[in-house]
C-alpha atoms as a PDB file:
ATOM      1  CA  UNK A   1     -19.202  16.632  35.426  1.00  0.00           C
ATOM      2  CA  UNK A   2     -15.719  15.290  34.484  1.00  0.00           C
ATOM      3  CA  UNK A   3     -13.473  12.186  35.326  1.00  0.00           C
ATOM      4  CA  UNK A   4     -14.099   8.643  36.231  1.00  0.00           C
ATOM      5  CA  UNK A   5     -17.750   9.141  37.656  1.00  0.00           C
ATOM      6  CA  UNK A   6     -18.854  10.862  34.462  1.00  0.00           C
ATOM      7  CA  UNK A   7     -17.584   7.922  32.324  1.00  0.00           C
ATOM      8  CA  UNK A   8     -19.215   5.259  34.558  1.00  0.00           C
ATOM      9  CA  UNK A   9     -22.600   7.356  34.062  1.00  0.00           C
ATOM     10  CA  UNK A  10     -22.448   7.505  30.422  1.00  0.00           C
ATOM     11  CA  UNK A  11     -21.732   3.868  29.974  1.00  0.00           C
ATOM     12  CA  UNK A  12     -24.579   3.002  32.443  1.00  0.00           C
ATOM     13  CA  UNK A  13     -26.834   5.214  30.382  1.00  0.00           C
ATOM     14  CA  UNK A  14     -25.965   3.562  26.979  1.00  0.00           C
ATOM     15  CA  UNK A  15     -29.117   1.657  25.565  1.00  0.00           C
ATOM     16  CA  UNK A  16     -27.384  -1.563  25.149  1.00  0.00           C
ATOM     17  CA  UNK A  17     -28.158  -4.679  27.101  1.00  0.00           C
ATOM     18  CA  UNK A  18     -25.325  -6.808  25.991  1.00  0.00           C
ATOM     19  CA  UNK A  19     -21.969  -6.105  24.235  1.00  0.00           C
ATOM     20  CA  UNK A  20     -19.575  -8.907  23.133  1.00  0.00           C
ATOM     21  CA  UNK A  21     -16.033  -8.319  21.979  1.00  0.00           C
ATOM     22  CA  UNK A  22     -14.486 -10.464  19.512  1.00  0.00           C
ATOM     23  CA  UNK A  23     -10.720 -10.160  19.170  1.00  0.00           C
ATOM     24  CA  UNK A  24      -9.661 -10.884  15.500  1.00  0.00           C
ATOM     25  CA  UNK A  25      -6.030  -9.591  15.910  1.00  0.00           C
ATOM     26  CA  UNK A  26      -3.658  -8.288  18.685  1.00  0.00           C
ATOM     27  CA  UNK A  27      -0.209  -6.888  18.095  1.00  0.00           C
ATOM     28  CA  UNK A  28       2.081  -5.951  20.877  1.00  0.00           C
ATOM     29  CA  UNK A  29       5.552  -4.198  20.954  1.00  0.00           C
ATOM     30  CA  UNK A  30       7.777  -2.929  23.782  1.00  0.00           C
ATOM     31  CA  UNK A  31       7.749   0.686  24.472  1.00  0.00           C
ATOM     32  CA  UNK A  32      10.000   3.118  26.386  1.00  0.00           C
ATOM     33  CA  UNK A  33      10.785   2.477  30.149  1.00  0.00           C
ATOM     34  CA  UNK A  34       9.453  -1.228  29.944  1.00  0.00           C
ATOM     35  CA  UNK A  35       6.130   0.030  28.504  1.00  0.00           C
ATOM     36  CA  UNK A  36       3.991  -2.086  25.897  1.00  0.00           C
ATOM     37  CA  UNK A  37       1.984  -0.650  22.995  1.00  0.00           C
ATOM     38  CA  UNK A  38      -0.968  -2.867  22.073  1.00  0.00           C
ATOM     39  CA  UNK A  39      -3.151  -2.691  18.931  1.00  0.00           C
ATOM     40  CA  UNK A  40      -6.314  -4.677  18.557  1.00  0.00           C
ATOM     41  CA  UNK A  41      -8.835  -5.181  15.817  1.00  0.00           C
ATOM     42  CA  UNK A  42     -11.982  -6.938  16.201  1.00  0.00           C
ATOM     43  CA  UNK A  43     -15.751  -7.072  16.159  1.00  0.00           C
ATOM     44  CA  UNK A  44     -18.527  -5.668  18.739  1.00  0.00           C
ATOM     45  CA  UNK A  45     -21.824  -7.418  18.711  1.00  0.00           C
ATOM     46  CA  UNK A  46     -24.533  -5.443  20.285  1.00  0.00           C
ATOM     47  CA  UNK A  47     -27.566  -7.040  21.675  1.00  0.00           C
ATOM     48  CA  UNK A  48     -28.856  -9.667  19.234  1.00  0.00           C
ATOM     49  CA  UNK A  49     -27.644  -7.814  16.144  1.00  0.00           C
ATOM     50  CA  UNK A  50     -26.356 -10.289  13.651  1.00  0.00           C
ATOM     51  CA  UNK A  51     -24.076  -7.408  11.954  1.00  0.00           C
ATOM     52  CA  UNK A  52     -21.129  -6.915  14.145  1.00  0.00           C
ATOM     53  CA  UNK A  53     -19.344  -3.407  14.281  1.00  0.00           C
ATOM     54  CA  UNK A  54     -15.628  -3.404  13.387  1.00  0.00           C
ATOM     55  CA  UNK A  55     -13.242  -1.783  16.087  1.00  0.00           C
ATOM     56  CA  UNK A  56      -9.630  -0.817  16.368  1.00  0.00           C
ATOM     57  CA  UNK A  57      -8.151   0.068  19.727  1.00  0.00           C
ATOM     58  CA  UNK A  58      -4.516   1.169  20.535  1.00  0.00           C
ATOM     59  CA  UNK A  59      -3.459   1.413  24.308  1.00  0.00           C
ATOM     60  CA  UNK A  60       0.005   1.898  25.938  1.00  0.00           C
ATOM     61  CA  UNK A  61       0.648   0.110  29.338  1.00  0.00           C
ATOM     62  CA  UNK A  62       3.299   1.916  31.471  1.00  0.00           C
ATOM     63  CA  UNK A  63       5.164   0.625  34.498  1.00  0.00           C
ATOM     64  CA  UNK A  64       4.132   2.894  37.611  1.00  0.00           C
ATOM     65  CA  UNK A  65       6.436   3.751  40.386  1.00  0.00           C
ATOM     66  CA  UNK A  66       5.311   0.432  42.227  1.00  0.00           C
ATOM     67  CA  UNK A  67       6.163  -1.781  39.390  1.00  0.00           C
ATOM     68  CA  UNK A  68       2.551  -2.186  38.281  1.00  0.00           C
ATOM     69  CA  UNK A  69       1.327  -1.444  35.030  1.00  0.00           C
ATOM     70  CA  UNK A  70      -1.284   1.038  34.196  1.00  0.00           C
ATOM     71  CA  UNK A  71      -3.176   2.156  30.936  1.00  0.00           C
ATOM     72  CA  UNK A  72      -1.254   5.443  29.971  1.00  0.00           C
ATOM     73  CA  UNK A  73      -2.914   6.267  26.708  1.00  0.00           C
ATOM     74  CA  UNK A  74      -6.071   4.515  24.899  1.00  0.00           C
ATOM     75  CA  UNK A  75      -7.380   5.147  21.593  1.00  0.00           C
ATOM     76  CA  UNK A  76     -10.710   3.466  20.551  1.00  0.00           C
ATOM     77  CA  UNK A  77     -12.446   3.722  17.021  1.00  0.00           C
ATOM     78  CA  UNK A  78     -15.649   2.146  15.725  1.00  0.00           C
ATOM     79  CA  UNK A  79     -14.884   1.686  11.851  1.00  0.00           C
ATOM     80  CA  UNK A  80     -18.207   2.486  10.287  1.00  0.00           C
ATOM     81  CA  UNK A  81     -18.691   3.340   6.823  1.00  0.00           C
END
């Protein structure tokens, strides 16, 4: 299975009860054709674990033909080590 349905099924099957995002830093800059590139760093708190997981995420919002923005690219990384 591929596509959005497979992603939803995978997320629903994860063993977590609660995931909380703590944004530490958010940097934005304009991109081509009125797009926006966004870089976020932060912490993920999973269930009642007191040790947060560090993460970084970069995504690009692009203006569609109707003028609405959509996520064109998205990169997410857990910084474990």
